[in-house]
PDB file of N, CA and C in Angstrom:
ATOM      1  N   MET A   1      13.426 126.198 -68.522  1.00  0.00           N
ATOM      2  CA  MET A   1      14.445 126.765 -68.766  1.00  0.00           C
ATOM      3  C   MET A   1      15.032 125.636 -69.465  1.00  0.00           C
ATOM      4  N   ASN A   2      15.115 125.587 -71.204  1.00  0.00           N
ATOM      5  CA  ASN A   2      16.209 124.846 -71.454  1.00  0.00           C
ATOM      6  C   ASN A   2      17.168 124.773 -71.955  1.00  0.00           C
ATOM      7  N   THR A   3      17.995 124.551 -72.153  1.00  0.00           N
ATOM      8  CA  THR A   3      19.484 125.160 -72.070  1.00  0.00           C
ATOM      9  C   THR A   3      20.185 123.465 -73.398  1.00  0.00           C
ATOM     10  N   LEU A   4      21.436 124.547 -74.337  1.00  0.00           N
ATOM     11  CA  LEU A   4      22.023 123.314 -74.944  1.00  0.00           C
ATOM     12  C   LEU A   4      22.235 122.309 -73.830  1.00  0.00           C
ATOM     13  N   LYS A   5      22.918 122.287 -73.099  1.00  0.00           N
ATOM     14  CA  LYS A   5      23.238 121.192 -72.294  1.00  0.00           C
ATOM     15  C   LYS A   5      22.290 119.752 -72.377  1.00  0.00           C
ATOM     16  N   ASP A   6      20.647 119.807 -72.532  1.00  0.00           N
ATOM     17  CA  ASP A   6      19.438 119.442 -72.497  1.00  0.00           C
ATOM     18  C   ASP A   6      19.276 118.174 -73.506  1.00  0.00           C
ATOM     19  N   VAL A   7      19.519 119.141 -74.367  1.00  0.00           N
ATOM     20  CA  VAL A   7      19.130 119.071 -76.075  1.00  0.00           C
ATOM     21  C   VAL A   7      19.797 117.157 -76.305  1.00  0.00           C
ATOM     22  N   LYS A   8      19.214 116.228 -76.877  1.00  0.00           N
ATOM     23  CA  LYS A   8      20.061 114.714 -76.867  1.00  0.00           C
ATOM     24  C   LYS A   8      20.697 114.981 -78.212  1.00  0.00           C
ATOM     25  N   VAL A   9      21.190 113.602 -78.384  1.00  0.00           N
ATOM     26  CA  VAL A   9      22.059 114.080 -79.499  1.00  0.00           C
ATOM     27  C   VAL A   9      21.383 113.427 -81.245  1.00  0.00           C
ATOM     28  N   GLY A  10      21.041 113.633 -81.786  1.00  0.00           N
ATOM     29  CA  GLY A  10      21.022 113.821 -83.352  1.00  0.00           C
ATOM     30  C   GLY A  10      19.732 115.280 -83.464  1.00  0.00           C
ATOM     31  N   LYS A  11      19.418 115.869 -82.430  1.00  0.00           N
ATOM     32  CA  LYS A  11      18.205 116.769 -82.626  1.00  0.00           C
ATOM     33  C   LYS A  11      19.310 118.121 -82.626  1.00  0.00           C
ATOM     34  N   THR A  12      17.795 119.266 -83.273  1.00  0.00           N
ATOM     35  CA  THR A  12      18.160 120.370 -83.667  1.00  0.00           C
ATOM     36  C   THR A  12      18.417 122.098 -82.614  1.00  0.00           C
ATOM     37  N   ALA A  13      18.464 122.707 -81.899  1.00  0.00           N
ATOM     38  CA  ALA A  13      18.170 123.563 -81.355  1.00  0.00           C
ATOM     39  C   ALA A  13      18.235 124.922 -82.130  1.00  0.00           C
ATOM     40  N   LYS A  14      17.282 126.180 -81.241  1.00  0.00           N
ATOM     41  CA  LYS A  14      17.589 127.293 -82.418  1.00  0.00           C
ATOM     42  C   LYS A  14      17.754 128.051 -80.591  1.00  0.00           C
ATOM     43  N   VAL A  15      18.401 128.306 -81.253  1.00  0.00           N
ATOM     44  CA  VAL A  15      19.299 129.792 -79.616  1.00  0.00           C
ATOM     45  C   VAL A  15      18.016 130.931 -79.434  1.00  0.00           C
ATOM     46  N   LEU A  16      18.077 131.285 -78.418  1.00  0.00           N
ATOM     47  CA  LEU A  16      16.818 132.369 -77.571  1.00  0.00           C
ATOM     48  C   LEU A  16      18.273 133.139 -76.927  1.00  0.00           C
ATOM     49  N   LYS A  17      18.597 132.754 -76.244  1.00  0.00           N
ATOM     50  CA  LYS A  17      19.663 133.441 -75.535  1.00  0.00           C
ATOM     51  C   LYS A  17      20.649 133.001 -75.787  1.00  0.00           C
ATOM     52  N   VAL A  18      22.157 133.819 -75.475  1.00  0.00           N
ATOM     53  CA  VAL A  18      23.391 133.364 -74.182  1.00  0.00           C
ATOM     54  C   VAL A  18      23.272 134.235 -73.359  1.00  0.00           C
ATOM     55  N   HIS A  19      23.368 133.272 -72.030  1.00  0.00           N
ATOM     56  CA  HIS A  19      23.620 133.809 -71.218  1.00  0.00           C
ATOM     57  C   HIS A  19      25.183 134.176 -70.317  1.00  0.00           C
ATOM     58  N   GLY A  20      25.575 134.122 -69.404  1.00  0.00           N
ATOM     59  CA  GLY A  20      26.772 134.863 -68.386  1.00  0.00           C
ATOM     60  C   GLY A  20      27.574 136.031 -69.391  1.00  0.00           C
ATOM     61  N   GLU A  21      27.996 136.486 -68.809  1.00  0.00           N
ATOM     62  CA  GLU A  21      28.662 137.727 -68.831  1.00  0.00           C
ATOM     63  C   GLU A  21      30.263 138.070 -68.861  1.00  0.00           C
ATOM     64  N   GLY A  22      31.099 138.883 -69.623  1.00  0.00           N
ATOM     65  CA  GLY A  22      32.444 139.250 -69.920  1.00  0.00           C
ATOM     66  C   GLY A  22      32.714 138.476 -70.726  1.00  0.00           C
ATOM     67  N   ALA A  23      33.940 137.930 -71.107  1.00  0.00           N
ATOM     68  CA  ALA A  23      34.804 137.187 -71.864  1.00  0.00           C
ATOM     69  C   ALA A  23      34.330 135.752 -71.747  1.00  0.00           C
ATOM     70  N   VAL A  24      32.952 135.389 -71.064  1.00  0.00           N
ATOM     71  CA  VAL A  24      32.884 133.629 -71.546  1.00  0.00           C
ATOM     72  C   VAL A  24      31.742 134.190 -72.200  1.00  0.00           C
ATOM     73  N   ARG A  25      31.077 134.860 -72.265  1.00  0.00           N
ATOM     74  CA  ARG A  25      29.876 135.170 -73.031  1.00  0.00           C
ATOM     75  C   ARG A  25      30.591 135.828 -74.408  1.00  0.00           C
ATOM     76  N   ARG A  26      31.485 136.701 -74.318  1.00  0.00           N
ATOM     77  CA  ARG A  26      31.828 136.910 -75.710  1.00  0.00           C
ATOM     78  C   ARG A  26      32.159 136.101 -76.358  1.00  0.00           C
ATOM     79  N   ARG A  27      33.534 134.698 -75.758  1.00  0.00           N
ATOM     80  CA  ARG A  27      34.403 133.677 -76.174  1.00  0.00           C
ATOM     81  C   ARG A  27      33.026 133.143 -77.403  1.00  0.00           C
ATOM     82  N   ILE A  28      31.742 132.568 -76.309  1.00  0.00           N
ATOM     83  CA  ILE A  28      30.713 131.797 -77.316  1.00  0.00           C
ATOM     84  C   ILE A  28      30.072 132.631 -78.149  1.00  0.00           C
ATOM     85  N   MET A  29      29.966 134.054 -77.925  1.00  0.00           N
ATOM     86  CA  MET A  29      28.847 134.463 -79.588  1.00  0.00           C
ATOM     87  C   MET A  29      30.220 134.931 -80.417  1.00  0.00           C
ATOM     88  N   ASP A  30      31.426 134.788 -80.053  1.00  0.00           N
ATOM     89  CA  ASP A  30      32.105 134.512 -81.649  1.00  0.00           C
ATOM     90  C   ASP A  30      32.223 133.517 -81.940  1.00  0.00           C
ATOM     91  N   MET A  31      32.605 132.451 -81.371  1.00  0.00           N
ATOM     92  CA  MET A  31      32.043 131.033 -82.596  1.00  0.00           C
ATOM     93  C   MET A  31      31.002 130.894 -83.344  1.00  0.00           C
ATOM     94  N   GLY A  32      30.657 132.413 -83.272  1.00  0.00           N
ATOM     95  CA  GLY A  32      29.243 131.959 -83.988  1.00  0.00           C
ATOM     96  C   GLY A  32      27.654 131.314 -83.562  1.00  0.00           C
ATOM     97  N   ILE A  33      28.068 131.269 -81.952  1.00  0.00           N
ATOM     98  CA  ILE A  33      26.527 131.166 -81.060  1.00  0.00           C
ATOM     99  C   ILE A  33      25.986 131.988 -81.329  1.00  0.00           C
ATOM    100  N   THR A  34      24.969 132.861 -81.243  1.00  0.00           N
ATOM    101  CA  THR A  34      24.352 133.767 -81.446  1.00  0.00           C
ATOM    102  C   THR A  34      22.914 133.716 -81.938  1.00  0.00           C
ATOM    103  N   LYS A  35      22.078 134.873 -81.618  1.00  0.00           N
ATOM    104  CA  LYS A  35      20.499 134.370 -81.061  1.00  0.00           C
ATOM    105  C   LYS A  35      19.845 134.284 -82.818  1.00  0.00           C
ATOM    106  N   GLY A  36      19.253 133.328 -82.810  1.00  0.00           N
ATOM    107  CA  GLY A  36      18.624 133.105 -84.017  1.00  0.00           C
ATOM    108  C   GLY A  36      19.523 131.202 -84.361  1.00  0.00           C
ATOM    109  N   VAL A  37      20.220 131.555 -84.479  1.00  0.00           N
ATOM    110  CA  VAL A  37      21.653 130.452 -84.705  1.00  0.00           C
ATOM    111  C   VAL A  37      20.889 129.006 -84.712  1.00  0.00           C
ATOM    112  N   GLU A  38      20.642 128.252 -85.485  1.00  0.00           N
ATOM    113  CA  GLU A  38      20.576 126.667 -85.365  1.00  0.00           C
ATOM    114  C   GLU A  38      20.977 125.570 -84.978  1.00  0.00           C
ATOM    115  N   ILE A  39      21.783 124.803 -84.067  1.00  0.00           N
ATOM    116  CA  ILE A  39      22.575 123.932 -83.647  1.00  0.00           C
ATOM    117  C   ILE A  39      22.597 122.448 -83.330  1.00  0.00           C
ATOM    118  N   LEU A  40      22.912 121.690 -84.284  1.00  0.00           N
ATOM    119  CA  LEU A  40      23.137 120.049 -84.310  1.00  0.00           C
ATOM    120  C   LEU A  40      23.629 119.709 -83.113  1.00  0.00           C
ATOM    121  N   ILE A  41      23.605 118.551 -82.699  1.00  0.00           N
ATOM    122  CA  ILE A  41      24.189 118.025 -81.685  1.00  0.00           C
ATOM    123  C   ILE A  41      24.655 116.868 -81.841  1.00  0.00           C
ATOM    124  N   ARG A  42      25.793 116.469 -82.566  1.00  0.00           N
ATOM    125  CA  ARG A  42      26.129 115.676 -83.301  1.00  0.00           C
ATOM    126  C   ARG A  42      26.746 114.757 -82.034  1.00  0.00           C
ATOM    127  N   LYS A  43      27.138 114.681 -81.373  1.00  0.00           N
ATOM    128  CA  LYS A  43      27.584 113.284 -79.678  1.00  0.00           C
ATOM    129  C   LYS A  43      27.618 114.333 -79.126  1.00  0.00           C
ATOM    130  N   VAL A  44      28.686 113.072 -77.399  1.00  0.00           N
ATOM    131  CA  VAL A  44      28.749 113.893 -77.214  1.00  0.00           C
ATOM    132  C   VAL A  44      29.414 112.781 -75.986  1.00  0.00           C
ATOM    133  N   ALA A  45      30.849 113.270 -75.820  1.00  0.00           N
ATOM    134  CA  ALA A  45      31.394 112.211 -75.030  1.00  0.00           C
ATOM    135  C   ALA A  45      31.506 110.965 -73.642  1.00  0.00           C
ATOM    136  N   PRO A  46      32.404 109.728 -74.551  1.00  0.00           N
ATOM    137  CA  PRO A  46      31.661 108.756 -73.803  1.00  0.00           C
ATOM    138  C   PRO A  46      31.754 109.066 -71.539  1.00  0.00           C
ATOM    139  N   LEU A  47      32.465 110.559 -71.301  1.00  0.00           N
ATOM    140  CA  LEU A  47      31.914 110.569 -70.020  1.00  0.00           C
ATOM    141  C   LEU A  47      31.565 112.057 -70.091  1.00  0.00           C
ATOM    142  N   GLY A  48      30.265 112.156 -71.584  1.00  0.00           N
ATOM    143  CA  GLY A  48      29.890 113.197 -70.945  1.00  0.00           C
ATOM    144  C   GLY A  48      29.841 114.711 -71.526  1.00  0.00           C
ATOM    145  N   ASP A  49      31.510 114.901 -71.870  1.00  0.00           N
ATOM    146  CA  ASP A  49      31.759 116.280 -71.837  1.00  0.00           C
ATOM    147  C   ASP A  49      33.281 115.962 -72.670  1.00  0.00           C
ATOM    148  N   PRO A  50      33.397 116.945 -73.483  1.00  0.00           N
ATOM    149  CA  PRO A  50      32.634 118.172 -73.968  1.00  0.00           C
ATOM    150  C   PRO A  50      31.395 117.247 -75.447  1.00  0.00           C
ATOM    151  N   MET A  51      30.284 118.275 -75.026  1.00  0.00           N
ATOM    152  CA  MET A  51      28.957 117.745 -76.829  1.00  0.00           C
ATOM    153  C   MET A  51      30.206 118.191 -78.373  1.00  0.00           C
ATOM    154  N   GLU A  52      30.099 118.223 -79.192  1.00  0.00           N
ATOM    155  CA  GLU A  52      30.780 118.581 -80.481  1.00  0.00           C
ATOM    156  C   GLU A  52      29.175 118.347 -81.131  1.00  0.00           C
ATOM    157  N   LEU A  53      29.265 119.786 -82.494  1.00  0.00           N
ATOM    158  CA  LEU A  53      28.289 120.480 -82.166  1.00  0.00           C
ATOM    159  C   LEU A  53      28.322 120.492 -84.103  1.00  0.00           C
ATOM    160  N   THR A  54      26.758 120.658 -84.340  1.00  0.00           N
ATOM    161  CA  THR A  54      27.253 121.817 -86.192  1.00  0.00           C
ATOM    162  C   THR A  54      26.924 123.213 -85.521  1.00  0.00           C
ATOM    163  N   VAL A  55      27.620 123.871 -85.930  1.00  0.00           N
ATOM    164  CA  VAL A  55      26.815 125.906 -86.039  1.00  0.00           C
ATOM    165  C   VAL A  55      27.702 126.489 -87.045  1.00  0.00           C
ATOM    166  N   ARG A  56      26.472 126.528 -87.896  1.00  0.00           N
ATOM    167  CA  ARG A  56      27.126 127.646 -89.089  1.00  0.00           C
ATOM    168  C   ARG A  56      27.982 126.643 -89.691  1.00  0.00           C
ATOM    169  N   GLY A  57      27.801 125.571 -90.501  1.00  0.00           N
ATOM    170  CA  GLY A  57      28.353 124.707 -91.201  1.00  0.00           C
ATOM    171  C   GLY A  57      29.837 124.078 -90.579  1.00  0.00           C
ATOM    172  N   TYR A  58      30.191 124.674 -89.748  1.00  0.00           N
ATOM    173  CA  TYR A  58      31.473 124.094 -88.996  1.00  0.00           C
ATOM    174  C   TYR A  58      31.307 123.372 -87.695  1.00  0.00           C
ATOM    175  N   GLU A  59      32.159 122.030 -87.266  1.00  0.00           N
ATOM    176  CA  GLU A  59      31.912 121.173 -85.861  1.00  0.00           C
ATOM    177  C   GLU A  59      32.358 122.268 -85.055  1.00  0.00           C
ATOM    178  N   LEU A  60      31.992 121.843 -83.965  1.00  0.00           N
ATOM    179  CA  LEU A  60      32.767 122.932 -82.459  1.00  0.00           C
ATOM    180  C   LEU A  60      32.446 121.864 -81.337  1.00  0.00           C
ATOM    181  N   SER A  61      33.710 121.691 -80.436  1.00  0.00           N
ATOM    182  CA  SER A  61      33.369 121.404 -78.824  1.00  0.00           C
ATOM    183  C   SER A  61      33.276 122.190 -78.350  1.00  0.00           C
ATOM    184  N   LEU A  62      32.202 121.314 -77.470  1.00  0.00           N
ATOM    185  CA  LEU A  62      32.345 122.669 -76.353  1.00  0.00           C
ATOM    186  C   LEU A  62      32.066 122.191 -75.315  1.00  0.00           C
ATOM    187  N   ARG A  63      31.789 122.066 -73.813  1.00  0.00           N
ATOM    188  CA  ARG A  63      32.296 121.855 -72.553  1.00  0.00           C
ATOM    189  C   ARG A  63      30.691 122.125 -72.270  1.00  0.00           C
ATOM    190  N   LYS A  64      30.249 121.561 -71.673  1.00  0.00           N
ATOM    191  CA  LYS A  64      28.880 121.057 -71.095  1.00  0.00           C
ATOM    192  C   LYS A  64      29.042 122.681 -70.071  1.00  0.00           C
ATOM    193  N   ALA A  65      29.314 122.855 -69.031  1.00  0.00           N
ATOM    194  CA  ALA A  65      29.556 123.790 -68.217  1.00  0.00           C
ATOM    195  C   ALA A  65      29.451 125.208 -69.141  1.00  0.00           C
ATOM    196  N   ASP A  66      30.047 125.500 -69.853  1.00  0.00           N
ATOM    197  CA  ASP A  66      29.228 126.725 -70.969  1.00  0.00           C
ATOM    198  C   ASP A  66      28.232 126.522 -72.136  1.00  0.00           C
ATOM    199  N   ALA A  67      27.895 125.629 -72.148  1.00  0.00           N
ATOM    200  CA  ALA A  67      26.483 124.924 -73.473  1.00  0.00           C
ATOM    201  C   ALA A  67      25.054 124.892 -72.033  1.00  0.00           C
ATOM    202  N   ASP A  68      25.664 125.345 -71.051  1.00  0.00           N
ATOM    203  CA  ASP A  68      24.863 125.314 -69.684  1.00  0.00           C
ATOM    204  C   ASP A  68      24.227 126.781 -69.687  1.00  0.00           C
ATOM    205  N   MET A  69      25.050 128.088 -70.382  1.00  0.00           N
ATOM    206  CA  MET A  69      24.890 129.354 -70.313  1.00  0.00           C
ATOM    207  C   MET A  69      23.898 129.337 -71.958  1.00  0.00           C
ATOM    208  N   ILE A  70      24.185 128.470 -72.609  1.00  0.00           N
ATOM    209  CA  ILE A  70      22.843 128.577 -74.116  1.00  0.00           C
ATOM    210  C   ILE A  70      21.574 128.205 -73.873  1.00  0.00           C
ATOM    211  N   GLU A  71      20.770 129.845 -74.034  1.00  0.00           N
ATOM    212  CA  GLU A  71      19.182 129.176 -73.898  1.00  0.00           C
ATOM    213  C   GLU A  71      18.136 128.824 -75.364  1.00  0.00           C
ATOM    214  N   VAL A  72      17.753 127.134 -75.274  1.00  0.00           N
ATOM    215  CA  VAL A  72      17.529 127.441 -76.897  1.00  0.00           C
ATOM    216  C   VAL A  72      16.108 127.084 -76.494  1.00  0.00           C
ATOM    217  N   VAL A  73      15.508 126.600 -77.453  1.00  0.00           N
ATOM    218  CA  VAL A  73      13.952 126.011 -77.959  1.00  0.00           C
ATOM    219  C   VAL A  73      14.503 125.355 -79.036  1.00  0.00           C
TER     220      VAL A  73
END
């Protein structure tokens, strides 16, 4: 299973499924990360956390722990 945290900087990934449960899953989906959306990995902080993404035309910072719950292709 490939997750969002495995995608390299400058690459685009398409969301297959958002894992997790309850409030965490709802928060990720409220940010616009839903099945079928394409996400561009813009950059990663020097220490590796967080990641900066482009989702639905806006910039978003996401922790790697949250990115690991997002299955992509």
